[in-house]
Structure formats: C-alpha cells, structure tokens
Amino acid sequence: MKNSELLTTKRQDLDPIEKQRRYVLRCLVQNNPCPHCGHKLNFFEGAGIAIDDWRDNTARTACRCSACGSALQYGVPRLVLGGNGGWHWDLADPKK
C-alpha cells in the first residue's frame, strides 16, 4: 500500500504495522516553522520528496527550507507539548 493510501484508508482496515506507519506519516505531514525564517513546511517538502517515495530508514534525510534554503534536520523533543506532530526543525549548521 502506498503511503498516500495509508493516510486515507479507514483505521479498522489496516493491520498493526500499517497503523504504525500511518501514525508516523501523520506526524511527518505536520507543518513546522523553519528556525531561520519561520516558513512552515512539512518533512516531505523539506526533504524534497513525494510522500509515496519516502521509506523509513535509520539514515538521516538531508532537508532544506524551501523558502530560505537553510539546511535543516528533523528533531524530536524529549517532552512533546503542543500540536506540531511531536517534532520540530533544527538548523543543520547552527553557526549560519
């Protein structure tokens, strides 16, 4: 099943692994602000890939802000507060 199909399929029609994948996808489609310019973008926009081309893996995906071009990395806080999908953008090179 394609990633985009997981987001539109009824929960009761999914097996446990598909439910977990769907949860992750729902988090990644949340728009969060670039820490440099404030432009809101989701993980797929930052990575420059279509949702159906994404495969969960342990390697870091190179991401950039589509507005200012800053190199970004996906960050997960120790404590999740608010409705931002449980993640945020960090600058990949905070010196810039």
C-alpha atoms as a PDB file:
ATOM      1  CA  MET A   1       0.000   0.000   0.000  1.00  0.00           C
ATOM      2  CA  LYS A   2       1.321   3.447  -0.911  1.00  0.00           C
ATOM      3  CA  ASN A   3       1.995   5.973   1.853  1.00  0.00           C
ATOM      4  CA  SER A   4      -0.695   8.310   0.492  1.00  0.00           C
ATOM      5  CA  GLU A   5      -3.203   5.446   0.599  1.00  0.00           C
ATOM      6  CA  LEU A   6      -2.385   4.763   4.253  1.00  0.00           C
ATOM      7  CA  LEU A   7      -3.472   8.289   5.127  1.00  0.00           C
ATOM      8  CA  THR A   8      -6.895   7.846   3.518  1.00  0.00           C
ATOM      9  CA  THR A   9      -7.686   4.239   4.462  1.00  0.00           C
ATOM     10  CA  LYS A  10     -10.020   3.611   7.407  1.00  0.00           C
ATOM     11  CA  ARG A  11      -8.109   2.661  10.540  1.00  0.00           C
ATOM     12  CA  GLN A  12     -10.051  -0.580  11.054  1.00  0.00           C
ATOM     13  CA  ASP A  13      -8.938  -1.765   7.589  1.00  0.00           C
ATOM     14  CA  LEU A  14      -5.231  -1.556   8.485  1.00  0.00           C
ATOM     15  CA  ASP A  15      -3.039  -4.186  10.115  1.00  0.00           C
ATOM     16  CA  PRO A  16      -0.948  -3.178  13.187  1.00  0.00           C
ATOM     17  CA  ILE A  17       2.201  -2.340  11.170  1.00  0.00           C
ATOM     18  CA  GLU A  18       0.216  -0.202   8.713  1.00  0.00           C
ATOM     19  CA  LYS A  19      -1.357   1.646  11.662  1.00  0.00           C
ATOM     20  CA  GLN A  20       2.109   2.461  12.981  1.00  0.00           C
ATOM     21  CA  ARG A  21       3.297   3.644   9.548  1.00  0.00           C
ATOM     22  CA  ARG A  22       0.177   5.795   9.249  1.00  0.00           C
ATOM     23  CA  TYR A  23       0.863   7.401  12.636  1.00  0.00           C
ATOM     24  CA  VAL A  24       4.413   8.299  11.571  1.00  0.00           C
ATOM     25  CA  LEU A  25       3.173   9.694   8.250  1.00  0.00           C
ATOM     26  CA  ARG A  26       0.556  11.823  10.008  1.00  0.00           C
ATOM     27  CA  CYS A  27       3.288  13.287  12.185  1.00  0.00           C
ATOM     28  CA  LEU A  28       5.574  13.994   9.223  1.00  0.00           C
ATOM     29  CA  VAL A  29       2.897  15.856   7.231  1.00  0.00           C
ATOM     30  CA  GLN A  30       2.528  18.424  10.021  1.00  0.00           C
ATOM     31  CA  ASN A  31       3.903  21.833   9.044  1.00  0.00           C
ATOM     32  CA  ASN A  32       6.513  23.189  11.433  1.00  0.00           C
ATOM     33  CA  PRO A  33       8.407  26.504  11.194  1.00  0.00           C
ATOM     34  CA  CYS A  34      11.938  26.804   9.897  1.00  0.00           C
ATOM     35  CA  PRO A  35      14.051  28.070  12.824  1.00  0.00           C
ATOM     36  CA  HIS A  36      15.808  30.531  10.495  1.00  0.00           C
ATOM     37  CA  CYS A  37      12.951  32.222   8.611  1.00  0.00           C
ATOM     38  CA  GLY A  38       9.726  30.885  10.174  1.00  0.00           C
ATOM     39  CA  HIS A  39       8.373  29.400   6.925  1.00  0.00           C
ATOM     40  CA  LYS A  40       6.174  26.408   7.767  1.00  0.00           C
ATOM     41  CA  LEU A  41       6.979  23.205   5.927  1.00  0.00           C
ATOM     42  CA  ASN A  42       6.439  19.507   6.457  1.00  0.00           C
ATOM     43  CA  PHE A  43       9.101  16.823   6.361  1.00  0.00           C
ATOM     44  CA  PHE A  44       8.393  15.830   2.751  1.00  0.00           C
ATOM     45  CA  GLU A  45       8.660  19.413   1.499  1.00  0.00           C
ATOM     46  CA  GLY A  46      11.926  19.835   3.425  1.00  0.00           C
ATOM     47  CA  ALA A  47      13.326  16.590   2.047  1.00  0.00           C
ATOM     48  CA  GLY A  48      12.176  17.420  -1.490  1.00  0.00           C
ATOM     49  CA  ILE A  49      10.441  14.081  -1.935  1.00  0.00           C
ATOM     50  CA  ALA A  50       6.892  12.950  -2.614  1.00  0.00           C
ATOM     51  CA  ILE A  51       5.132  11.199   0.253  1.00  0.00           C
ATOM     52  CA  ASP A  52       4.970   7.944  -1.727  1.00  0.00           C
ATOM     53  CA  ASP A  53       8.750   7.998  -2.315  1.00  0.00           C
ATOM     54  CA  TRP A  54       9.556   8.066   1.424  1.00  0.00           C
ATOM     55  CA  ARG A  55      10.868   4.930   3.095  1.00  0.00           C
ATOM     56  CA  ASP A  56      11.540   4.843   6.816  1.00  0.00           C
ATOM     57  CA  ASN A  57      15.208   4.144   7.426  1.00  0.00           C
ATOM     58  CA  THR A  58      17.870   4.858  10.003  1.00  0.00           C
ATOM     59  CA  ALA A  59      19.888   7.217   7.784  1.00  0.00           C
ATOM     60  CA  ARG A  60      19.330  10.961   8.137  1.00  0.00           C
ATOM     61  CA  THR A  61      17.489  12.560   5.263  1.00  0.00           C
ATOM     62  CA  ALA A  62      19.014  15.803   4.013  1.00  0.00           C
ATOM     63  CA  CYS A  63      16.439  18.596   4.282  1.00  0.00           C
ATOM     64  CA  ARG A  64      16.310  22.272   3.284  1.00  0.00           C
ATOM     65  CA  CYS A  65      13.840  25.066   3.868  1.00  0.00           C
ATOM     66  CA  SER A  66      12.022  25.724   0.610  1.00  0.00           C
ATOM     67  CA  ALA A  67      11.832  29.445   1.422  1.00  0.00           C
ATOM     68  CA  CYS A  68      15.307  30.426   2.669  1.00  0.00           C
ATOM     69  CA  GLY A  69      17.404  27.399   1.697  1.00  0.00           C
ATOM     70  CA  SER A  70      18.731  26.727   5.210  1.00  0.00           C
ATOM     71  CA  ALA A  71      19.923  23.179   5.837  1.00  0.00           C
ATOM     72  CA  LEU A  72      17.532  21.580   8.309  1.00  0.00           C
ATOM     73  CA  GLN A  73      17.358  18.442  10.342  1.00  0.00           C
ATOM     74  CA  TYR A  74      14.384  16.714  11.864  1.00  0.00           C
ATOM     75  CA  GLY A  75      14.338  16.998  15.674  1.00  0.00           C
ATOM     76  CA  VAL A  76      12.311  15.177  18.298  1.00  0.00           C
ATOM     77  CA  PRO A  77      11.941  16.825  21.721  1.00  0.00           C
ATOM     78  CA  ARG A  78      12.274  14.918  24.979  1.00  0.00           C
ATOM     79  CA  LEU A  79       8.851  16.177  26.024  1.00  0.00           C
ATOM     80  CA  VAL A  80       6.107  16.686  23.447  1.00  0.00           C
ATOM     81  CA  LEU A  81       3.951  19.770  24.003  1.00  0.00           C
ATOM     82  CA  GLY A  82       1.566  21.319  21.517  1.00  0.00           C
ATOM     83  CA  GLY A  83       0.149  20.112  18.231  1.00  0.00           C
ATOM     84  CA  ASN A  84       3.220  20.144  15.992  1.00  0.00           C
ATOM     85  CA  GLY A  85       3.241  16.406  15.313  1.00  0.00           C
ATOM     86  CA  GLY A  86       5.767  15.737  18.075  1.00  0.00           C
ATOM     87  CA  TRP A  87       8.754  17.056  16.153  1.00  0.00           C
ATOM     88  CA  HIS A  88      10.442  20.307  15.062  1.00  0.00           C
ATOM     89  CA  TRP A  89      13.080  21.587  12.681  1.00  0.00           C
ATOM     90  CA  ASP A  90      16.621  22.301  13.870  1.00  0.00           C
ATOM     91  CA  LEU A  91      19.270  24.090  11.835  1.00  0.00           C
ATOM     92  CA  ALA A  92      21.715  21.503  10.484  1.00  0.00           C
ATOM     93  CA  ASP A  93      24.545  24.027  10.905  1.00  0.00           C
ATOM     94  CA  PRO A  94      23.507  26.376  13.751  1.00  0.00           C
ATOM     95  CA  LYS A  95      26.550  28.640  13.141  1.00  0.00           C
ATOM     96  CA  LYS A  96      24.905  30.040   9.988  1.00  0.00           C
END
